[in-house]
Amino acid sequence: METKNDPIGHAIADFVANGFSENITVQSDLCDDDVLPVEYLFRPKDLMPKIEQKALSLAKGRILDVGAAAGCHAYYLKKKGFDVLAIDTSPGAVEHLKNLEIPVQNIDFMEMTGEFDTVLVLMNGIGIAGELSNLPNFLTHLKSLLSKDGQALCDSTDLTYLYQEDDGSMWVDLNDSYHGEMQFKMIYKNSETDWFKWLYIDFDLLKEYAEKAGLKCELVKKGTSNNYLVSLTHL
């Protein structure tokens, strides 16, 4: 398996083979380096954040799991008897999911077609839009994947707190790009991605963009780290 540009897949394969692996290093253009423990990708439901647990409890019908990685969400739902399709751009993750006998496609979300009753876009999944200017296309495509009564369950994080002064005021350069736009690179051993864009968006702005795309945006649950879960349905 080629792992040079697939740190997630490389890390998943090591963890499955050995029961442990090094952490994945996450570099950012705005923050200090962080680490992603690979075992977190294999977390059972009871160790998932509450907003993920809530999303799984609301899943129904035919389900699309976007950015499935090691498949913790898809695996749980498949065991519950749901019709689940996972997608991921990591060849290593896709190979792992096939070994778990989870239906999976190695495809970019924006190229996906089909109709689903639930689309899961978790782990700050809205971020795959990349930047605010891409959000309308992302939401329009998401809408195209929903059945008549379908729902998308998505989470994001409001990064406003990073720009908040002690007195509660905000320091944001209005002439700069949206403050939730970031860039990341992921590294595991000798594997690393190129720099990629990721979008974090506050709820009010997401609701505004969703409605313009013909989607009703409802706040489902707030997390403990300025993150939140929403349900997107046809207006």
C-alpha atoms as a PDB file:
ATOM      1  CA  MET A   1       0.000   0.000   0.000  1.00  0.00           C
ATOM      2  CA  GLU A   2       1.384   3.424  -0.991  1.00  0.00           C
ATOM      3  CA  THR A   3       1.499   5.553   2.169  1.00  0.00           C
ATOM      4  CA  LYS A   4       3.691   8.527   1.218  1.00  0.00           C
ATOM      5  CA  ASN A   5       0.765  10.974   1.020  1.00  0.00           C
ATOM      6  CA  ASP A   6      -1.636   9.007   3.225  1.00  0.00           C
ATOM      7  CA  PRO A   7      -0.704   9.511   6.902  1.00  0.00           C
ATOM      8  CA  ILE A   8      -4.192   8.575   8.103  1.00  0.00           C
ATOM      9  CA  GLY A   9      -4.156   5.319   6.164  1.00  0.00           C
ATOM     10  CA  HIS A  10      -0.582   4.536   7.230  1.00  0.00           C
ATOM     11  CA  ALA A  11      -1.436   5.148  10.895  1.00  0.00           C
ATOM     12  CA  ILE A  12      -4.615   3.046  10.706  1.00  0.00           C
ATOM     13  CA  ALA A  13      -2.707   0.139   9.151  1.00  0.00           C
ATOM     14  CA  ASP A  14      -0.013   0.285  11.864  1.00  0.00           C
ATOM     15  CA  PHE A  15      -2.621   0.384  14.620  1.00  0.00           C
ATOM     16  CA  VAL A  16      -4.518  -2.603  13.213  1.00  0.00           C
ATOM     17  CA  ALA A  17      -1.300  -4.593  12.761  1.00  0.00           C
ATOM     18  CA  ASN A  18       0.346  -3.765  16.086  1.00  0.00           C
ATOM     19  CA  GLY A  19      -2.371  -2.555  18.466  1.00  0.00           C
ATOM     20  CA  PHE A  20      -0.537   0.757  18.832  1.00  0.00           C
ATOM     21  CA  SER A  21       1.074   3.445  16.719  1.00  0.00           C
ATOM     22  CA  GLU A  22       2.715   6.836  16.948  1.00  0.00           C
ATOM     23  CA  ASN A  23       0.529   9.921  17.126  1.00  0.00           C
ATOM     24  CA  ILE A  24      -0.388  11.804  13.972  1.00  0.00           C
ATOM     25  CA  THR A  25       1.119  15.304  14.048  1.00  0.00           C
ATOM     26  CA  VAL A  26      -1.234  18.076  12.951  1.00  0.00           C
ATOM     27  CA  GLN A  27       0.437  21.313  11.858  1.00  0.00           C
ATOM     28  CA  SER A  28      -1.547  24.544  11.542  1.00  0.00           C
ATOM     29  CA  ASP A  29      -0.921  27.942  10.037  1.00  0.00           C
ATOM     30  CA  LEU A  30      -2.414  29.690  13.093  1.00  0.00           C
ATOM     31  CA  CYS A  31      -1.781  27.436  16.099  1.00  0.00           C
ATOM     32  CA  ASP A  32       1.017  25.349  17.598  1.00  0.00           C
ATOM     33  CA  ASP A  33       1.444  21.780  16.418  1.00  0.00           C
ATOM     34  CA  ASP A  34      -1.079  19.344  17.841  1.00  0.00           C
ATOM     35  CA  VAL A  35      -1.285  15.558  17.902  1.00  0.00           C
ATOM     36  CA  LEU A  36      -4.066  13.158  16.995  1.00  0.00           C
ATOM     37  CA  PRO A  37      -3.767   9.836  18.839  1.00  0.00           C
ATOM     38  CA  VAL A  38      -4.537   7.130  16.284  1.00  0.00           C
ATOM     39  CA  GLU A  39      -6.576   5.135  18.807  1.00  0.00           C
ATOM     40  CA  TYR A  40      -9.038   8.048  18.827  1.00  0.00           C
ATOM     41  CA  LEU A  41     -10.019   7.077  15.266  1.00  0.00           C
ATOM     42  CA  PHE A  42     -11.142   3.696  16.658  1.00  0.00           C
ATOM     43  CA  ARG A  43     -13.147   5.085  19.587  1.00  0.00           C
ATOM     44  CA  PRO A  44     -16.302   3.194  20.656  1.00  0.00           C
ATOM     45  CA  LYS A  45     -19.572   5.103  20.994  1.00  0.00           C
ATOM     46  CA  ASP A  46     -19.265   5.564  24.762  1.00  0.00           C
ATOM     47  CA  LEU A  47     -15.941   7.403  24.286  1.00  0.00           C
ATOM     48  CA  MET A  48     -17.208   9.674  21.511  1.00  0.00           C
ATOM     49  CA  PRO A  49     -18.027  13.343  22.184  1.00  0.00           C
ATOM     50  CA  LYS A  50     -21.651  13.833  23.195  1.00  0.00           C
ATOM     51  CA  ILE A  51     -22.520  15.586  19.942  1.00  0.00           C
ATOM     52  CA  GLU A  52     -21.318  12.540  17.968  1.00  0.00           C
ATOM     53  CA  GLN A  53     -23.335  10.241  20.208  1.00  0.00           C
ATOM     54  CA  LYS A  54     -26.360  12.449  19.594  1.00  0.00           C
ATOM     55  CA  ALA A  55     -25.819  12.340  15.840  1.00  0.00           C
ATOM     56  CA  LEU A  56     -25.653   8.543  15.870  1.00  0.00           C
ATOM     57  CA  SER A  57     -28.873   8.371  17.885  1.00  0.00           C
ATOM     58  CA  LEU A  58     -30.635  10.484  15.213  1.00  0.00           C
ATOM     59  CA  ALA A  59     -29.357   8.545  12.201  1.00  0.00           C
ATOM     60  CA  LYS A  60     -32.071   6.877  10.124  1.00  0.00           C
ATOM     61  CA  GLY A  61     -32.659   5.084   6.848  1.00  0.00           C
ATOM     62  CA  ARG A  62     -29.875   4.844   4.276  1.00  0.00           C
ATOM     63  CA  ILE A  63     -26.791   6.549   5.714  1.00  0.00           C
ATOM     64  CA  LEU A  64     -23.730   8.165   4.124  1.00  0.00           C
ATOM     65  CA  ASP A  65     -20.719   8.565   6.437  1.00  0.00           C
ATOM     66  CA  VAL A  66     -18.486  11.285   5.002  1.00  0.00           C
ATOM     67  CA  GLY A  67     -14.783  11.120   5.870  1.00  0.00           C
ATOM     68  CA  ALA A  68     -15.214   7.814   7.672  1.00  0.00           C
ATOM     69  CA  ALA A  69     -11.491   7.299   8.478  1.00  0.00           C
ATOM     70  CA  ALA A  70     -11.210   4.126  10.606  1.00  0.00           C
ATOM     71  CA  GLY A  71     -14.989   3.773  10.532  1.00  0.00           C
ATOM     72  CA  CYS A  72     -16.006   4.232  14.159  1.00  0.00           C
ATOM     73  CA  HIS A  73     -19.360   5.757  13.182  1.00  0.00           C
ATOM     74  CA  ALA A  74     -20.048   3.508  10.196  1.00  0.00           C
ATOM     75  CA  TYR A  75     -19.066   0.367  12.105  1.00  0.00           C
ATOM     76  CA  TYR A  76     -21.391   1.191  15.003  1.00  0.00           C
ATOM     77  CA  LEU A  77     -24.323   1.914  12.678  1.00  0.00           C
ATOM     78  CA  LYS A  78     -23.704  -1.189  10.562  1.00  0.00           C
ATOM     79  CA  LYS A  79     -23.757  -3.322  13.725  1.00  0.00           C
ATOM     80  CA  LYS A  80     -27.108  -1.707  14.540  1.00  0.00           C
ATOM     81  CA  GLY A  81     -28.440  -2.960  11.213  1.00  0.00           C
ATOM     82  CA  PHE A  82     -28.407   0.266   9.213  1.00  0.00           C
ATOM     83  CA  ASP A  83     -27.661   0.465   5.499  1.00  0.00           C
ATOM     84  CA  VAL A  84     -24.408   2.457   5.618  1.00  0.00           C
ATOM     85  CA  LEU A  85     -22.071   3.657   2.895  1.00  0.00           C
ATOM     86  CA  ALA A  86     -18.743   5.167   3.942  1.00  0.00           C
ATOM     87  CA  ILE A  87     -16.555   7.448   1.834  1.00  0.00           C
ATOM     88  CA  ASP A  88     -13.009   8.669   2.362  1.00  0.00           C
ATOM     89  CA  THR A  89     -10.163  10.025   0.251  1.00  0.00           C
ATOM     90  CA  SER A  90      -7.547   7.991   2.187  1.00  0.00           C
ATOM     91  CA  PRO A  91      -6.748   4.770   0.293  1.00  0.00           C
ATOM     92  CA  GLY A  92      -5.504   3.177   3.521  1.00  0.00           C
ATOM     93  CA  ALA A  93      -8.691   4.039   5.373  1.00  0.00           C
ATOM     94  CA  VAL A  94     -10.755   2.624   2.497  1.00  0.00           C
ATOM     95  CA  GLU A  95      -8.753  -0.610   2.557  1.00  0.00           C
ATOM     96  CA  HIS A  96      -9.340  -0.900   6.319  1.00  0.00           C
ATOM     97  CA  LEU A  97     -13.085  -0.313   5.917  1.00  0.00           C
ATOM     98  CA  LYS A  98     -13.266  -2.999   3.241  1.00  0.00           C
ATOM     99  CA  ASN A  99     -11.615  -5.394   5.696  1.00  0.00           C
ATOM    100  CA  LEU A 100     -14.397  -4.544   8.156  1.00  0.00           C
ATOM    101  CA  GLU A 101     -16.893  -5.396   5.394  1.00  0.00           C
ATOM    102  CA  ILE A 102     -18.273  -1.851   5.477  1.00  0.00           C
ATOM    103  CA  PRO A 103     -19.466  -0.679   2.036  1.00  0.00           C
ATOM    104  CA  VAL A 104     -17.048   2.088   1.082  1.00  0.00           C
ATOM    105  CA  GLN A 105     -15.922   4.252  -1.808  1.00  0.00           C
ATOM    106  CA  ASN A 106     -12.602   6.056  -2.249  1.00  0.00           C
ATOM    107  CA  ILE A 107     -14.121   9.317  -3.471  1.00  0.00           C
ATOM    108  CA  ASP A 108     -14.152  13.035  -2.740  1.00  0.00           C
ATOM    109  CA  PHE A 109     -17.381  14.259  -1.169  1.00  0.00           C
ATOM    110  CA  MET A 110     -18.010  16.784  -3.941  1.00  0.00           C
ATOM    111  CA  GLU A 111     -17.960  13.971  -6.515  1.00  0.00           C
ATOM    112  CA  MET A 112     -20.415  11.778  -4.600  1.00  0.00           C
ATOM    113  CA  THR A 113     -23.840  11.022  -6.046  1.00  0.00           C
ATOM    114  CA  GLY A 114     -26.876   9.176  -4.737  1.00  0.00           C
ATOM    115  CA  GLU A 115     -29.739   9.729  -2.334  1.00  0.00           C
ATOM    116  CA  PHE A 116     -29.556   9.239   1.421  1.00  0.00           C
ATOM    117  CA  ASP A 117     -31.865   9.626   4.397  1.00  0.00           C
ATOM    118  CA  THR A 118     -28.972  10.644   6.648  1.00  0.00           C
ATOM    119  CA  VAL A 119     -25.644  12.200   5.723  1.00  0.00           C
ATOM    120  CA  LEU A 120     -23.123  12.279   8.568  1.00  0.00           C
ATOM    121  CA  VAL A 121     -20.456  14.985   8.289  1.00  0.00           C
ATOM    122  CA  LEU A 122     -18.793  14.746  11.702  1.00  0.00           C
ATOM    123  CA  MET A 123     -15.446  15.616  13.345  1.00  0.00           C
ATOM    124  CA  ASN A 124     -15.793  19.273  12.319  1.00  0.00           C
ATOM    125  CA  GLY A 125     -16.843  17.830   8.997  1.00  0.00           C
ATOM    126  CA  ILE A 126     -18.162  21.068   7.529  1.00  0.00           C
ATOM    127  CA  GLY A 127     -14.490  21.942   7.305  1.00  0.00           C
ATOM    128  CA  ILE A 128     -14.150  20.016   4.060  1.00  0.00           C
ATOM    129  CA  ALA A 129     -15.721  23.047   2.370  1.00  0.00           C
ATOM    130  CA  GLY A 130     -12.243  24.522   2.840  1.00  0.00           C
ATOM    131  CA  GLU A 131     -13.138  28.194   2.912  1.00  0.00           C
ATOM    132  CA  LEU A 132     -16.202  30.385   3.210  1.00  0.00           C
ATOM    133  CA  SER A 133     -16.386  31.093  -0.517  1.00  0.00           C
ATOM    134  CA  ASN A 134     -16.798  27.355  -1.163  1.00  0.00           C
ATOM    135  CA  LEU A 135     -19.578  26.890   1.396  1.00  0.00           C
ATOM    136  CA  PRO A 136     -22.485  27.605  -1.005  1.00  0.00           C
ATOM    137  CA  ASN A 137     -21.312  24.861  -3.409  1.00  0.00           C
ATOM    138  CA  PHE A 138     -20.709  22.493  -0.486  1.00  0.00           C
ATOM    139  CA  LEU A 139     -24.222  23.041   0.886  1.00  0.00           C
ATOM    140  CA  THR A 140     -25.862  22.816  -2.532  1.00  0.00           C
ATOM    141  CA  HIS A 141     -24.127  19.499  -3.168  1.00  0.00           C
ATOM    142  CA  LEU A 142     -25.052  18.264   0.310  1.00  0.00           C
ATOM    143  CA  LYS A 143     -28.682  19.110  -0.405  1.00  0.00           C
ATOM    144  CA  SER A 144     -28.548  17.118  -3.650  1.00  0.00           C
ATOM    145  CA  LEU A 145     -27.667  13.982  -1.670  1.00  0.00           C
ATOM    146  CA  LEU A 146     -30.651  14.205   0.684  1.00  0.00           C
ATOM    147  CA  SER A 147     -33.865  12.285   0.131  1.00  0.00           C
ATOM    148  CA  LYS A 148     -37.132  14.212   0.363  1.00  0.00           C
ATOM    149  CA  ASP A 149     -37.263  13.828   4.156  1.00  0.00           C
ATOM    150  CA  GLY A 150     -33.514  13.390   4.547  1.00  0.00           C
ATOM    151  CA  GLN A 151     -31.217  15.058   7.053  1.00  0.00           C
ATOM    152  CA  ALA A 152     -27.573  15.988   7.187  1.00  0.00           C
ATOM    153  CA  LEU A 153     -26.036  15.895  10.667  1.00  0.00           C
ATOM    154  CA  CYS A 154     -22.954  18.114  10.684  1.00  0.00           C
ATOM    155  CA  ASP A 155     -20.719  19.636  13.321  1.00  0.00           C
ATOM    156  CA  SER A 156     -18.371  22.591  13.430  1.00  0.00           C
ATOM    157  CA  THR A 157     -16.630  24.827  15.945  1.00  0.00           C
ATOM    158  CA  ASP A 158     -17.016  28.558  16.506  1.00  0.00           C
ATOM    159  CA  LEU A 159     -13.469  29.953  16.697  1.00  0.00           C
ATOM    160  CA  THR A 160     -14.640  33.399  17.789  1.00  0.00           C
ATOM    161  CA  TYR A 161     -13.159  32.764  21.247  1.00  0.00           C
ATOM    162  CA  LEU A 162      -9.656  32.830  19.768  1.00  0.00           C
ATOM    163  CA  TYR A 163     -10.149  36.512  18.892  1.00  0.00           C
ATOM    164  CA  GLN A 164     -11.880  37.639  22.074  1.00  0.00           C
ATOM    165  CA  GLU A 165     -10.345  40.227  24.390  1.00  0.00           C
ATOM    166  CA  ASP A 166     -10.631  40.064  28.173  1.00  0.00           C
ATOM    167  CA  ASP A 167     -13.453  42.631  28.073  1.00  0.00           C
ATOM    168  CA  GLY A 168     -15.451  40.492  25.653  1.00  0.00           C
ATOM    169  CA  SER A 169     -14.728  42.612  22.572  1.00  0.00           C
ATOM    170  CA  MET A 170     -13.458  41.075  19.360  1.00  0.00           C
ATOM    171  CA  TRP A 171     -10.300  41.808  17.389  1.00  0.00           C
ATOM    172  CA  VAL A 172     -10.984  40.639  13.852  1.00  0.00           C
ATOM    173  CA  ASP A 173      -9.608  42.299  10.731  1.00  0.00           C
ATOM    174  CA  LEU A 174     -12.728  42.790   8.623  1.00  0.00           C
ATOM    175  CA  ASN A 175     -10.518  43.228   5.556  1.00  0.00           C
ATOM    176  CA  ASP A 176      -8.950  39.811   6.079  1.00  0.00           C
ATOM    177  CA  SER A 177     -10.438  36.397   5.249  1.00  0.00           C
ATOM    178  CA  TYR A 178     -13.098  34.876   7.509  1.00  0.00           C
ATOM    179  CA  HIS A 179     -11.563  34.095  10.907  1.00  0.00           C
ATOM    180  CA  GLY A 180     -12.662  30.430  10.751  1.00  0.00           C
ATOM    181  CA  GLU A 181     -10.503  29.640   7.720  1.00  0.00           C
ATOM    182  CA  MET A 182      -7.392  27.628   8.596  1.00  0.00           C
ATOM    183  CA  GLN A 183      -4.762  25.499   6.885  1.00  0.00           C
ATOM    184  CA  PHE A 184      -3.411  22.186   8.115  1.00  0.00           C
ATOM    185  CA  LYS A 185      -0.878  19.516   7.301  1.00  0.00           C
ATOM    186  CA  MET A 186      -0.926  15.991   8.768  1.00  0.00           C
ATOM    187  CA  ILE A 187       2.243  13.940   9.308  1.00  0.00           C
ATOM    188  CA  TYR A 188       2.750  10.333  10.378  1.00  0.00           C
ATOM    189  CA  LYS A 189       6.237   8.811  10.199  1.00  0.00           C
ATOM    190  CA  ASN A 190       7.357   9.294   6.561  1.00  0.00           C
ATOM    191  CA  SER A 191       3.849  10.124   5.324  1.00  0.00           C
ATOM    192  CA  GLU A 192       2.480  13.638   5.066  1.00  0.00           C
ATOM    193  CA  THR A 193      -0.257  15.520   3.291  1.00  0.00           C
ATOM    194  CA  ASP A 194       0.125  18.751   1.414  1.00  0.00           C
ATOM    195  CA  TRP A 195      -1.244  21.810   3.191  1.00  0.00           C
ATOM    196  CA  PHE A 196      -5.045  21.784   2.964  1.00  0.00           C
ATOM    197  CA  LYS A 197      -7.727  24.334   3.835  1.00  0.00           C
ATOM    198  CA  TRP A 198     -10.340  23.711   6.541  1.00  0.00           C
ATOM    199  CA  LEU A 199     -13.341  25.812   7.527  1.00  0.00           C
ATOM    200  CA  TYR A 200     -14.697  26.363  11.035  1.00  0.00           C
ATOM    201  CA  ILE A 201     -17.919  28.364  11.040  1.00  0.00           C
ATOM    202  CA  ASP A 202     -20.113  29.955  13.682  1.00  0.00           C
ATOM    203  CA  PHE A 203     -23.721  28.773  13.869  1.00  0.00           C
ATOM    204  CA  ASP A 204     -25.408  32.039  12.846  1.00  0.00           C
ATOM    205  CA  LEU A 205     -23.350  32.331   9.667  1.00  0.00           C
ATOM    206  CA  LEU A 206     -23.872  28.672   8.818  1.00  0.00           C
ATOM    207  CA  LYS A 207     -27.625  29.124   9.222  1.00  0.00           C
ATOM    208  CA  GLU A 208     -27.553  32.131   6.893  1.00  0.00           C
ATOM    209  CA  TYR A 209     -25.662  30.229   4.181  1.00  0.00           C
ATOM    210  CA  ALA A 210     -27.791  27.110   4.628  1.00  0.00           C
ATOM    211  CA  GLU A 211     -31.044  29.003   4.112  1.00  0.00           C
ATOM    212  CA  LYS A 212     -29.674  30.581   0.941  1.00  0.00           C
ATOM    213  CA  ALA A 213     -28.975  27.039  -0.279  1.00  0.00           C
ATOM    214  CA  GLY A 214     -32.539  25.956   0.481  1.00  0.00           C
ATOM    215  CA  LEU A 215     -31.748  24.141   3.710  1.00  0.00           C
ATOM    216  CA  LYS A 216     -33.284  24.515   7.152  1.00  0.00           C
ATOM    217  CA  CYS A 217     -30.523  24.681   9.774  1.00  0.00           C
ATOM    218  CA  GLU A 218     -31.426  23.662  13.325  1.00  0.00           C
ATOM    219  CA  LEU A 219     -29.107  23.596  16.305  1.00  0.00           C
ATOM    220  CA  VAL A 220     -29.279  20.092  17.778  1.00  0.00           C
ATOM    221  CA  LYS A 221     -26.667  20.130  20.532  1.00  0.00           C
ATOM    222  CA  LYS A 222     -23.825  22.275  21.827  1.00  0.00           C
ATOM    223  CA  GLY A 223     -20.532  20.641  22.743  1.00  0.00           C
ATOM    224  CA  THR A 224     -18.060  21.495  25.484  1.00  0.00           C
ATOM    225  CA  SER A 225     -15.420  23.186  23.293  1.00  0.00           C
ATOM    226  CA  ASN A 226     -17.381  25.827  21.360  1.00  0.00           C
ATOM    227  CA  ASN A 227     -18.459  23.082  18.974  1.00  0.00           C
ATOM    228  CA  TYR A 228     -22.006  22.270  17.979  1.00  0.00           C
ATOM    229  CA  LEU A 229     -24.152  19.820  16.003  1.00  0.00           C
ATOM    230  CA  VAL A 230     -26.755  20.901  13.457  1.00  0.00           C
ATOM    231  CA  SER A 231     -29.427  19.206  11.417  1.00  0.00           C
ATOM    232  CA  LEU A 232     -29.815  20.370   7.794  1.00  0.00           C
ATOM    233  CA  THR A 233     -33.043  19.472   6.001  1.00  0.00           C
ATOM    234  CA  HIS A 234     -34.923  20.634   2.904  1.00  0.00           C
ATOM    235  CA  LEU A 235     -36.812  23.903   3.367  1.00  0.00           C
END
